[in-house]
Amino acid sequence: MENRSSSKTQEVSAKKRVIVPRWCGRFTLGSLKQVLWNLCLICLGSVLVAVAINGILVPHQFVSGGFIGVALVIHYLFPSFPLALLYLLLNVPVFVLGWTFVGRRFFLYSILGMMIFSAAIAWIHVPLPVHDKILSALLAGIITGIGAGIILRSSGSSGGTDILSVILVNRFSIRIGTIILAFNVIVLTAASLFFSLDAALYTLIYIYVYSQIINIVLTGLSQRKALFIISPKWQEISQEVLDKLGRGVTFIRGQGGYSGQDEQILYTVITLRELHRIKEIIRQMDPNAFVVVLNTLEVMGHRIGNQPHW
């Protein structure tokens, strides 16, 4: 009897045991808010890019870069093929590559982003009455750069070169805008064979503005600055940085090449907003201090890091 009851208990517990993915076990209200926020970013960015494509690029017969550029070229040559459908089809091999090289969360968000982006291209048609081609290229670049930057600020992308860019960023730390610009120049060279050189040059203006704006949106005021400070009052300066800015300071032993005297070099990383404050601190402590300010590409670490969450 005991063996039968224990076997029944095991059968019941086995039936109740449900295998769920790991991420489901960690799903909380906070993660739900994050998912909704990321989807909102993807939707907003997709709408902006769709406005630029349907409102400026298509009416002026501009070519874009990346996969949407290839889709535009095919659409201009064969107008019966819908632009949104072409973009979906071109993304299939990219997502196969993305499954191997990028994180699962980014991959799943990117699938949603690609579908939302394609739907936005198909449904959102807002006419923008700008007739000058140079102004049209500038405006399209600004709108597209803002939209694409907003999409990449989420945990996903709209597919296409975004996934290729993230792979190269993670592996080689190349800036997103630089990758997109290089890839788009290659696409433009091929596209100029089918269209006029003027259209290709207008498109190049659009792509350059787009690549610069996307860098601003992604880094913006979160850009980090690295400072080297050489001053006989290094102790006072470092204490002020610790107390007033709350930033860490590293002491590096150095030696003057001319004087031969030992020096203490201060090294710190701050945000762009804090740059003016630290300059004021240094001027008050030592107006003759030698200061070098450097741009950073990425910063990893607690509190001061600015790496994208791809």
C-alpha atoms as a PDB file:
ATOM      1  CA  MET A   1       0.000   0.000   0.000  1.00  0.00           C
ATOM      2  CA  GLU A   2       2.784   2.425   0.878  1.00  0.00           C
ATOM      3  CA  ASN A   3       4.531   1.728  -2.430  1.00  0.00           C
ATOM      4  CA  ARG A   4       1.299   2.366  -4.380  1.00  0.00           C
ATOM      5  CA  SER A   5       0.601   5.627  -2.541  1.00  0.00           C
ATOM      6  CA  SER A   6       4.162   6.855  -3.045  1.00  0.00           C
ATOM      7  CA  SER A   7       4.026   5.988  -6.750  1.00  0.00           C
ATOM      8  CA  LYS A   8       0.716   7.880  -7.094  1.00  0.00           C
ATOM      9  CA  THR A   9       2.239  10.846  -5.317  1.00  0.00           C
ATOM     10  CA  GLN A  10       5.169  10.813  -7.727  1.00  0.00           C
ATOM     11  CA  GLU A  11       2.798  10.639 -10.705  1.00  0.00           C
ATOM     12  CA  VAL A  12       0.802  13.628  -9.429  1.00  0.00           C
ATOM     13  CA  SER A  13       3.930  15.662  -8.750  1.00  0.00           C
ATOM     14  CA  ALA A  14       5.250  14.739 -12.184  1.00  0.00           C
ATOM     15  CA  LYS A  15       2.029  15.957 -13.759  1.00  0.00           C
ATOM     16  CA  LYS A  16       2.199  19.205 -11.807  1.00  0.00           C
ATOM     17  CA  ARG A  17       5.811  19.785 -12.794  1.00  0.00           C
ATOM     18  CA  VAL A  18       5.879  22.217 -15.706  1.00  0.00           C
ATOM     19  CA  ILE A  19       9.049  23.103 -17.556  1.00  0.00           C
ATOM     20  CA  VAL A  20       9.268  26.833 -18.274  1.00  0.00           C
ATOM     21  CA  PRO A  21      12.019  28.942 -19.766  1.00  0.00           C
ATOM     22  CA  ARG A  22      14.422  30.574 -17.321  1.00  0.00           C
ATOM     23  CA  TRP A  23      13.390  34.083 -18.271  1.00  0.00           C
ATOM     24  CA  CYS A  24       9.771  33.289 -17.289  1.00  0.00           C
ATOM     25  CA  GLY A  25      10.836  32.492 -13.746  1.00  0.00           C
ATOM     26  CA  ARG A  26      12.481  35.867 -13.413  1.00  0.00           C
ATOM     27  CA  PHE A  27       9.618  37.841 -14.974  1.00  0.00           C
ATOM     28  CA  THR A  28       8.490  40.605 -12.619  1.00  0.00           C
ATOM     29  CA  LEU A  29       6.488  43.804 -12.754  1.00  0.00           C
ATOM     30  CA  GLY A  30       9.709  45.730 -13.272  1.00  0.00           C
ATOM     31  CA  SER A  31      10.676  43.591 -16.262  1.00  0.00           C
ATOM     32  CA  LEU A  32       7.174  44.057 -17.704  1.00  0.00           C
ATOM     33  CA  LYS A  33       7.622  47.828 -17.498  1.00  0.00           C
ATOM     34  CA  GLN A  34      10.997  47.475 -19.207  1.00  0.00           C
ATOM     35  CA  VAL A  35       9.479  45.408 -22.010  1.00  0.00           C
ATOM     36  CA  LEU A  36       6.724  47.977 -22.548  1.00  0.00           C
ATOM     37  CA  TRP A  37       9.254  50.821 -22.488  1.00  0.00           C
ATOM     38  CA  ASN A  38      11.447  49.079 -25.080  1.00  0.00           C
ATOM     39  CA  LEU A  39       8.442  48.427 -27.317  1.00  0.00           C
ATOM     40  CA  CYS A  40       7.437  52.085 -27.036  1.00  0.00           C
ATOM     41  CA  LEU A  41      10.936  53.152 -28.096  1.00  0.00           C
ATOM     42  CA  ILE A  42      10.867  50.769 -31.055  1.00  0.00           C
ATOM     43  CA  CYS A  43       7.414  51.996 -32.123  1.00  0.00           C
ATOM     44  CA  LEU A  44       8.358  55.681 -31.810  1.00  0.00           C
ATOM     45  CA  GLY A  45      11.622  55.240 -33.684  1.00  0.00           C
ATOM     46  CA  SER A  46       9.964  53.170 -36.428  1.00  0.00           C
ATOM     47  CA  VAL A  47       7.295  55.833 -36.945  1.00  0.00           C
ATOM     48  CA  LEU A  48       9.943  58.558 -37.333  1.00  0.00           C
ATOM     49  CA  VAL A  49      11.986  56.548 -39.824  1.00  0.00           C
ATOM     50  CA  ALA A  50       8.835  55.645 -41.796  1.00  0.00           C
ATOM     51  CA  VAL A  51       7.902  59.340 -41.961  1.00  0.00           C
ATOM     52  CA  ALA A  52      11.319  60.137 -43.444  1.00  0.00           C
ATOM     53  CA  ILE A  53      11.176  57.272 -45.939  1.00  0.00           C
ATOM     54  CA  ASN A  54       7.630  57.749 -47.210  1.00  0.00           C
ATOM     55  CA  GLY A  55       7.568  61.526 -46.800  1.00  0.00           C
ATOM     56  CA  ILE A  56      10.966  62.424 -48.304  1.00  0.00           C
ATOM     57  CA  LEU A  57      13.027  59.554 -49.717  1.00  0.00           C
ATOM     58  CA  VAL A  58      10.384  57.953 -51.923  1.00  0.00           C
ATOM     59  CA  PRO A  59       8.904  61.206 -53.347  1.00  0.00           C
ATOM     60  CA  HIS A  60      12.401  62.522 -54.215  1.00  0.00           C
ATOM     61  CA  GLN A  61      13.607  59.120 -55.457  1.00  0.00           C
ATOM     62  CA  PHE A  62      16.466  59.164 -52.933  1.00  0.00           C
ATOM     63  CA  VAL A  63      18.262  55.939 -52.148  1.00  0.00           C
ATOM     64  CA  SER A  64      19.035  55.021 -48.568  1.00  0.00           C
ATOM     65  CA  GLY A  65      21.783  52.841 -47.225  1.00  0.00           C
ATOM     66  CA  GLY A  66      21.616  49.447 -45.631  1.00  0.00           C
ATOM     67  CA  PHE A  67      18.845  46.967 -46.228  1.00  0.00           C
ATOM     68  CA  ILE A  68      16.158  49.604 -46.616  1.00  0.00           C
ATOM     69  CA  GLY A  69      18.338  51.102 -49.367  1.00  0.00           C
ATOM     70  CA  VAL A  70      18.469  47.783 -51.202  1.00  0.00           C
ATOM     71  CA  ALA A  71      14.700  47.466 -50.771  1.00  0.00           C
ATOM     72  CA  LEU A  72      14.233  50.997 -52.175  1.00  0.00           C
ATOM     73  CA  VAL A  73      16.359  50.232 -55.235  1.00  0.00           C
ATOM     74  CA  ILE A  74      14.320  47.094 -55.974  1.00  0.00           C
ATOM     75  CA  HIS A  75      11.084  49.008 -55.329  1.00  0.00           C
ATOM     76  CA  TYR A  76      12.074  51.784 -57.771  1.00  0.00           C
ATOM     77  CA  LEU A  77      12.992  49.242 -60.447  1.00  0.00           C
ATOM     78  CA  PHE A  78       9.931  47.068 -59.819  1.00  0.00           C
ATOM     79  CA  PRO A  79       7.189  49.267 -58.279  1.00  0.00           C
ATOM     80  CA  SER A  80       4.796  46.327 -57.998  1.00  0.00           C
ATOM     81  CA  PHE A  81       6.906  44.911 -55.142  1.00  0.00           C
ATOM     82  CA  PRO A  82       5.850  46.513 -51.818  1.00  0.00           C
ATOM     83  CA  LEU A  83       8.695  48.193 -49.959  1.00  0.00           C
ATOM     84  CA  ALA A  84       7.731  46.728 -46.569  1.00  0.00           C
ATOM     85  CA  LEU A  85       7.623  43.163 -47.924  1.00  0.00           C
ATOM     86  CA  LEU A  86      11.011  43.543 -49.592  1.00  0.00           C
ATOM     87  CA  TYR A  87      12.524  44.737 -46.335  1.00  0.00           C
ATOM     88  CA  LEU A  88      11.101  41.717 -44.487  1.00  0.00           C
ATOM     89  CA  LEU A  89      12.521  39.273 -47.016  1.00  0.00           C
ATOM     90  CA  LEU A  90      15.971  40.866 -47.004  1.00  0.00           C
ATOM     91  CA  ASN A  91      16.160  40.528 -43.220  1.00  0.00           C
ATOM     92  CA  VAL A  92      15.766  36.748 -43.135  1.00  0.00           C
ATOM     93  CA  PRO A  93      19.489  35.885 -43.586  1.00  0.00           C
ATOM     94  CA  VAL A  94      20.500  38.666 -41.188  1.00  0.00           C
ATOM     95  CA  PHE A  95      18.382  37.232 -38.403  1.00  0.00           C
ATOM     96  CA  VAL A  96      19.928  33.823 -38.970  1.00  0.00           C
ATOM     97  CA  LEU A  97      23.311  35.482 -38.373  1.00  0.00           C
ATOM     98  CA  GLY A  98      21.930  37.430 -35.420  1.00  0.00           C
ATOM     99  CA  TRP A  99      20.784  34.274 -33.664  1.00  0.00           C
ATOM    100  CA  THR A 100      24.403  33.105 -33.578  1.00  0.00           C
ATOM    101  CA  PHE A 101      26.261  36.286 -32.654  1.00  0.00           C
ATOM    102  CA  VAL A 102      23.975  38.548 -30.589  1.00  0.00           C
ATOM    103  CA  GLY A 103      22.147  38.047 -27.312  1.00  0.00           C
ATOM    104  CA  ARG A 104      18.778  36.306 -27.266  1.00  0.00           C
ATOM    105  CA  ARG A 105      16.995  39.299 -25.755  1.00  0.00           C
ATOM    106  CA  PHE A 106      18.345  41.630 -28.423  1.00  0.00           C
ATOM    107  CA  PHE A 107      17.449  39.065 -31.096  1.00  0.00           C
ATOM    108  CA  LEU A 108      13.826  38.720 -29.954  1.00  0.00           C
ATOM    109  CA  TYR A 109      13.371  42.467 -29.596  1.00  0.00           C
ATOM    110  CA  SER A 110      14.847  42.899 -33.078  1.00  0.00           C
ATOM    111  CA  ILE A 111      12.304  40.499 -34.589  1.00  0.00           C
ATOM    112  CA  LEU A 112       9.545  42.584 -33.043  1.00  0.00           C
ATOM    113  CA  GLY A 113      11.325  45.735 -34.182  1.00  0.00           C
ATOM    114  CA  MET A 114      11.581  44.491 -37.754  1.00  0.00           C
ATOM    115  CA  MET A 115       7.864  43.643 -37.828  1.00  0.00           C
ATOM    116  CA  ILE A 116       6.897  47.002 -36.295  1.00  0.00           C
ATOM    117  CA  PHE A 117       9.235  48.851 -38.642  1.00  0.00           C
ATOM    118  CA  SER A 118       7.830  47.052 -41.703  1.00  0.00           C
ATOM    119  CA  ALA A 119       4.275  47.814 -40.570  1.00  0.00           C
ATOM    120  CA  ALA A 120       5.182  51.478 -40.102  1.00  0.00           C
ATOM    121  CA  ILE A 121       6.598  51.656 -43.641  1.00  0.00           C
ATOM    122  CA  ALA A 122       3.442  50.037 -45.024  1.00  0.00           C
ATOM    123  CA  TRP A 123       0.901  52.151 -43.131  1.00  0.00           C
ATOM    124  CA  ILE A 124       2.448  55.519 -42.239  1.00  0.00           C
ATOM    125  CA  HIS A 125       2.492  58.026 -45.102  1.00  0.00           C
ATOM    126  CA  VAL A 126       2.953  61.613 -43.933  1.00  0.00           C
ATOM    127  CA  PRO A 127       3.705  64.099 -46.743  1.00  0.00           C
ATOM    128  CA  LEU A 128       6.482  66.568 -45.941  1.00  0.00           C
ATOM    129  CA  PRO A 129       6.275  69.584 -48.311  1.00  0.00           C
ATOM    130  CA  VAL A 130      10.016  70.241 -48.696  1.00  0.00           C
ATOM    131  CA  HIS A 131      10.908  70.766 -52.359  1.00  0.00           C
ATOM    132  CA  ASP A 132      14.586  71.701 -52.212  1.00  0.00           C
ATOM    133  CA  LYS A 133      16.569  68.473 -52.546  1.00  0.00           C
ATOM    134  CA  ILE A 134      19.433  69.480 -50.244  1.00  0.00           C
ATOM    135  CA  LEU A 135      17.034  70.578 -47.514  1.00  0.00           C
ATOM    136  CA  SER A 136      15.081  67.370 -48.051  1.00  0.00           C
ATOM    137  CA  ALA A 137      18.244  65.296 -47.628  1.00  0.00           C
ATOM    138  CA  LEU A 138      19.163  67.184 -44.443  1.00  0.00           C
ATOM    139  CA  LEU A 139      15.683  66.851 -42.944  1.00  0.00           C
ATOM    140  CA  ALA A 140      15.439  63.175 -43.839  1.00  0.00           C
ATOM    141  CA  GLY A 141      18.849  62.527 -42.263  1.00  0.00           C
ATOM    142  CA  ILE A 142      17.870  64.283 -39.044  1.00  0.00           C
ATOM    143  CA  ILE A 143      14.531  62.466 -38.726  1.00  0.00           C
ATOM    144  CA  THR A 144      16.007  59.070 -39.625  1.00  0.00           C
ATOM    145  CA  GLY A 145      18.977  59.504 -37.283  1.00  0.00           C
ATOM    146  CA  ILE A 146      16.718  60.390 -34.361  1.00  0.00           C
ATOM    147  CA  GLY A 147      14.364  57.510 -35.122  1.00  0.00           C
ATOM    148  CA  ALA A 148      17.094  54.902 -35.589  1.00  0.00           C
ATOM    149  CA  GLY A 149      18.892  56.137 -32.470  1.00  0.00           C
ATOM    150  CA  ILE A 150      15.702  55.798 -30.423  1.00  0.00           C
ATOM    151  CA  ILE A 151      15.250  52.239 -31.712  1.00  0.00           C
ATOM    152  CA  LEU A 152      18.820  51.313 -30.751  1.00  0.00           C
ATOM    153  CA  ARG A 153      18.325  52.844 -27.305  1.00  0.00           C
ATOM    154  CA  SER A 154      15.848  50.046 -26.681  1.00  0.00           C
ATOM    155  CA  SER A 155      17.022  46.464 -26.200  1.00  0.00           C
ATOM    156  CA  GLY A 156      16.536  45.677 -29.883  1.00  0.00           C
ATOM    157  CA  SER A 157      16.699  47.096 -33.391  1.00  0.00           C
ATOM    158  CA  SER A 158      14.717  47.259 -36.602  1.00  0.00           C
ATOM    159  CA  GLY A 159      16.878  44.598 -38.222  1.00  0.00           C
ATOM    160  CA  GLY A 160      19.096  45.062 -41.263  1.00  0.00           C
ATOM    161  CA  THR A 161      22.437  46.752 -40.713  1.00  0.00           C
ATOM    162  CA  ASP A 162      21.531  47.440 -37.066  1.00  0.00           C
ATOM    163  CA  ILE A 163      22.230  43.813 -36.190  1.00  0.00           C
ATOM    164  CA  LEU A 164      25.434  43.775 -38.242  1.00  0.00           C
ATOM    165  CA  SER A 165      26.497  47.009 -36.505  1.00  0.00           C
ATOM    166  CA  VAL A 166      25.862  45.584 -33.035  1.00  0.00           C
ATOM    167  CA  ILE A 167      27.929  42.501 -33.876  1.00  0.00           C
ATOM    168  CA  LEU A 168      30.863  44.712 -34.934  1.00  0.00           C
ATOM    169  CA  VAL A 169      30.433  46.998 -31.905  1.00  0.00           C
ATOM    170  CA  ASN A 170      30.552  44.057 -29.515  1.00  0.00           C
ATOM    171  CA  ARG A 171      33.554  42.477 -31.212  1.00  0.00           C
ATOM    172  CA  PHE A 172      35.626  45.464 -32.402  1.00  0.00           C
ATOM    173  CA  SER A 173      34.194  48.539 -30.546  1.00  0.00           C
ATOM    174  CA  ILE A 174      33.570  50.438 -33.794  1.00  0.00           C
ATOM    175  CA  ARG A 175      31.061  53.269 -33.505  1.00  0.00           C
ATOM    176  CA  ILE A 176      27.573  52.510 -34.787  1.00  0.00           C
ATOM    177  CA  GLY A 177      27.419  55.564 -37.046  1.00  0.00           C
ATOM    178  CA  THR A 178      30.813  54.763 -38.593  1.00  0.00           C
ATOM    179  CA  ILE A 179      29.742  51.206 -39.430  1.00  0.00           C
ATOM    180  CA  ILE A 180      26.492  52.372 -40.986  1.00  0.00           C
ATOM    181  CA  LEU A 181      28.241  55.095 -42.999  1.00  0.00           C
ATOM    182  CA  ALA A 182      30.811  52.643 -44.410  1.00  0.00           C
ATOM    183  CA  PHE A 183      28.186  50.046 -45.287  1.00  0.00           C
ATOM    184  CA  ASN A 184      25.927  52.650 -46.841  1.00  0.00           C
ATOM    185  CA  VAL A 185      28.679  54.018 -49.093  1.00  0.00           C
ATOM    186  CA  ILE A 186      29.070  50.535 -50.549  1.00  0.00           C
ATOM    187  CA  VAL A 187      25.331  50.294 -51.177  1.00  0.00           C
ATOM    188  CA  LEU A 188      25.297  53.802 -52.685  1.00  0.00           C
ATOM    189  CA  THR A 189      28.062  52.930 -55.119  1.00  0.00           C
ATOM    190  CA  ALA A 190      26.027  50.029 -56.423  1.00  0.00           C
ATOM    191  CA  ALA A 191      22.801  52.072 -56.445  1.00  0.00           C
ATOM    192  CA  SER A 192      24.385  54.906 -58.442  1.00  0.00           C
ATOM    193  CA  LEU A 193      24.717  52.512 -61.374  1.00  0.00           C
ATOM    194  CA  PHE A 194      20.930  52.356 -61.664  1.00  0.00           C
ATOM    195  CA  PHE A 195      20.130  56.021 -60.935  1.00  0.00           C
ATOM    196  CA  SER A 196      21.601  59.437 -61.630  1.00  0.00           C
ATOM    197  CA  LEU A 197      24.753  60.628 -59.918  1.00  0.00           C
ATOM    198  CA  ASP A 198      22.834  63.618 -58.519  1.00  0.00           C
ATOM    199  CA  ALA A 199      20.408  61.339 -56.708  1.00  0.00           C
ATOM    200  CA  ALA A 200      23.332  59.354 -55.276  1.00  0.00           C
ATOM    201  CA  LEU A 201      25.030  62.543 -54.031  1.00  0.00           C
ATOM    202  CA  TYR A 202      21.841  63.826 -52.388  1.00  0.00           C
ATOM    203  CA  THR A 203      21.493  60.437 -50.757  1.00  0.00           C
ATOM    204  CA  LEU A 204      25.090  60.624 -49.538  1.00  0.00           C
ATOM    205  CA  ILE A 205      24.247  63.903 -47.773  1.00  0.00           C
ATOM    206  CA  TYR A 206      21.262  62.189 -46.165  1.00  0.00           C
ATOM    207  CA  ILE A 207      23.351  59.228 -45.020  1.00  0.00           C
ATOM    208  CA  TYR A 208      26.121  61.411 -43.578  1.00  0.00           C
ATOM    209  CA  VAL A 209      23.661  63.488 -41.538  1.00  0.00           C
ATOM    210  CA  TYR A 210      21.880  60.325 -40.441  1.00  0.00           C
ATOM    211  CA  SER A 211      25.126  58.689 -39.252  1.00  0.00           C
ATOM    212  CA  GLN A 212      26.118  61.773 -37.255  1.00  0.00           C
ATOM    213  CA  ILE A 213      22.708  62.205 -35.623  1.00  0.00           C
ATOM    214  CA  ILE A 214      22.531  58.561 -34.602  1.00  0.00           C
ATOM    215  CA  ASN A 215      25.868  58.902 -32.780  1.00  0.00           C
ATOM    216  CA  ILE A 216      24.535  61.961 -30.944  1.00  0.00           C
ATOM    217  CA  VAL A 217      21.330  60.188 -29.962  1.00  0.00           C
ATOM    218  CA  LEU A 218      23.168  57.084 -28.740  1.00  0.00           C
ATOM    219  CA  THR A 219      25.898  58.895 -26.788  1.00  0.00           C
ATOM    220  CA  GLY A 220      24.497  62.416 -26.373  1.00  0.00           C
ATOM    221  CA  LEU A 221      24.981  63.771 -22.883  1.00  0.00           C
ATOM    222  CA  SER A 222      25.941  60.286 -21.679  1.00  0.00           C
ATOM    223  CA  GLN A 223      29.298  60.641 -23.416  1.00  0.00           C
ATOM    224  CA  ARG A 224      32.213  60.152 -21.038  1.00  0.00           C
ATOM    225  CA  LYS A 225      35.346  62.276 -20.842  1.00  0.00           C
ATOM    226  CA  ALA A 226      38.701  61.071 -19.540  1.00  0.00           C
ATOM    227  CA  LEU A 227      40.958  63.632 -17.846  1.00  0.00           C
ATOM    228  CA  PHE A 228      44.666  63.653 -17.029  1.00  0.00           C
ATOM    229  CA  ILE A 229      45.568  66.353 -14.493  1.00  0.00           C
ATOM    230  CA  ILE A 230      49.109  67.329 -13.490  1.00  0.00           C
ATOM    231  CA  SER A 231      49.403  69.802 -10.628  1.00  0.00           C
ATOM    232  CA  PRO A 232      51.426  70.279  -7.429  1.00  0.00           C
ATOM    233  CA  LYS A 233      48.049  70.583  -5.691  1.00  0.00           C
ATOM    234  CA  TRP A 234      46.959  67.130  -6.814  1.00  0.00           C
ATOM    235  CA  GLN A 235      45.781  66.159  -3.332  1.00  0.00           C
ATOM    236  CA  GLU A 236      43.416  69.128  -3.013  1.00  0.00           C
ATOM    237  CA  ILE A 237      42.072  68.642  -6.545  1.00  0.00           C
ATOM    238  CA  SER A 238      41.480  64.921  -6.086  1.00  0.00           C
ATOM    239  CA  GLN A 239      39.652  65.522  -2.805  1.00  0.00           C
ATOM    240  CA  GLU A 240      37.398  68.120  -4.435  1.00  0.00           C
ATOM    241  CA  VAL A 241      36.586  65.714  -7.285  1.00  0.00           C
ATOM    242  CA  LEU A 242      35.727  62.999  -4.783  1.00  0.00           C
ATOM    243  CA  ASP A 243      33.613  65.271  -2.586  1.00  0.00           C
ATOM    244  CA  LYS A 244      31.832  67.514  -5.101  1.00  0.00           C
ATOM    245  CA  LEU A 245      31.519  65.262  -8.140  1.00  0.00           C
ATOM    246  CA  GLY A 246      31.496  61.892  -6.453  1.00  0.00           C
ATOM    247  CA  ARG A 247      33.879  60.497  -9.066  1.00  0.00           C
ATOM    248  CA  GLY A 248      36.794  58.206  -8.462  1.00  0.00           C
ATOM    249  CA  VAL A 249      40.352  59.369  -9.044  1.00  0.00           C
ATOM    250  CA  THR A 250      43.390  57.252  -9.868  1.00  0.00           C
ATOM    251  CA  PHE A 251      46.934  58.346  -8.992  1.00  0.00           C
ATOM    252  CA  ILE A 252      49.582  57.603 -11.602  1.00  0.00           C
ATOM    253  CA  ARG A 253      53.248  58.065 -10.843  1.00  0.00           C
ATOM    254  CA  GLY A 254      55.059  60.104 -13.474  1.00  0.00           C
ATOM    255  CA  GLN A 255      58.267  61.992 -14.050  1.00  0.00           C
ATOM    256  CA  GLY A 256      58.872  65.248 -15.863  1.00  0.00           C
ATOM    257  CA  GLY A 257      60.905  64.719 -19.025  1.00  0.00           C
ATOM    258  CA  TYR A 258      62.701  68.070 -18.682  1.00  0.00           C
ATOM    259  CA  SER A 259      62.819  68.630 -14.929  1.00  0.00           C
ATOM    260  CA  GLY A 260      63.247  64.993 -13.952  1.00  0.00           C
ATOM    261  CA  GLN A 261      60.982  65.611 -10.945  1.00  0.00           C
ATOM    262  CA  ASP A 262      58.499  63.029  -9.774  1.00  0.00           C
ATOM    263  CA  GLU A 263      54.869  63.953 -10.473  1.00  0.00           C
ATOM    264  CA  GLN A 264      51.486  62.630  -9.423  1.00  0.00           C
ATOM    265  CA  ILE A 265      49.121  62.415 -12.381  1.00  0.00           C
ATOM    266  CA  LEU A 266      45.409  62.329 -11.647  1.00  0.00           C
ATOM    267  CA  TYR A 267      43.208  60.238 -13.916  1.00  0.00           C
ATOM    268  CA  THR A 268      39.421  60.375 -13.777  1.00  0.00           C
ATOM    269  CA  VAL A 269      36.418  59.677 -16.015  1.00  0.00           C
ATOM    270  CA  ILE A 270      33.400  61.972 -15.857  1.00  0.00           C
ATOM    271  CA  THR A 271      30.237  62.697 -17.822  1.00  0.00           C
ATOM    272  CA  LEU A 272      30.007  65.477 -20.385  1.00  0.00           C
ATOM    273  CA  ARG A 273      27.761  67.491 -18.057  1.00  0.00           C
ATOM    274  CA  GLU A 274      30.411  67.385 -15.327  1.00  0.00           C
ATOM    275  CA  LEU A 275      33.214  68.702 -17.537  1.00  0.00           C
ATOM    276  CA  HIS A 276      32.512  72.378 -16.799  1.00  0.00           C
ATOM    277  CA  ARG A 277      32.332  71.725 -13.051  1.00  0.00           C
ATOM    278  CA  ILE A 278      35.653  69.908 -12.899  1.00  0.00           C
ATOM    279  CA  LYS A 279      37.307  72.678 -14.928  1.00  0.00           C
ATOM    280  CA  GLU A 280      36.073  75.217 -12.382  1.00  0.00           C
ATOM    281  CA  ILE A 281      37.427  73.082  -9.537  1.00  0.00           C
ATOM    282  CA  ILE A 282      40.847  72.883 -11.194  1.00  0.00           C
ATOM    283  CA  ARG A 283      40.929  76.625 -11.920  1.00  0.00           C
ATOM    284  CA  GLN A 284      40.132  77.427  -8.289  1.00  0.00           C
ATOM    285  CA  MET A 285      42.731  75.012  -6.918  1.00  0.00           C
ATOM    286  CA  ASP A 286      45.502  75.636  -9.442  1.00  0.00           C
ATOM    287  CA  PRO A 287      45.042  77.944 -12.477  1.00  0.00           C
ATOM    288  CA  ASN A 288      48.357  76.697 -13.891  1.00  0.00           C
ATOM    289  CA  ALA A 289      47.466  73.008 -13.779  1.00  0.00           C
ATOM    290  CA  PHE A 290      48.149  70.966 -16.916  1.00  0.00           C
ATOM    291  CA  VAL A 291      44.942  69.241 -18.019  1.00  0.00           C
ATOM    292  CA  VAL A 292      44.249  66.923 -20.946  1.00  0.00           C
ATOM    293  CA  VAL A 293      40.618  66.084 -21.832  1.00  0.00           C
ATOM    294  CA  LEU A 294      40.007  63.014 -24.002  1.00  0.00           C
ATOM    295  CA  ASN A 295      36.907  61.610 -25.657  1.00  0.00           C
ATOM    296  CA  THR A 296      36.021  58.018 -24.834  1.00  0.00           C
ATOM    297  CA  LEU A 297      34.368  55.451 -27.077  1.00  0.00           C
ATOM    298  CA  GLU A 298      33.002  53.181 -24.354  1.00  0.00           C
ATOM    299  CA  VAL A 299      33.337  53.025 -20.580  1.00  0.00           C
ATOM    300  CA  MET A 300      32.648  49.866 -18.618  1.00  0.00           C
ATOM    301  CA  GLY A 301      32.237  49.918 -14.884  1.00  0.00           C
ATOM    302  CA  HIS A 302      29.967  50.700 -11.976  1.00  0.00           C
ATOM    303  CA  ARG A 303      28.171  54.093 -11.993  1.00  0.00           C
ATOM    304  CA  ILE A 304      30.234  55.697 -14.755  1.00  0.00           C
ATOM    305  CA  GLY A 305      29.813  53.080 -17.510  1.00  0.00           C
ATOM    306  CA  ASN A 306      27.980  53.965 -20.710  1.00  0.00           C
ATOM    307  CA  GLN A 307      28.096  50.732 -22.696  1.00  0.00           C
ATOM    308  CA  PRO A 308      24.977  49.921 -24.747  1.00  0.00           C
ATOM    309  CA  HIS A 309      22.964  46.999 -23.311  1.00  0.00           C
ATOM    310  CA  TRP A 310      23.198  44.839 -26.416  1.00  0.00           C
END
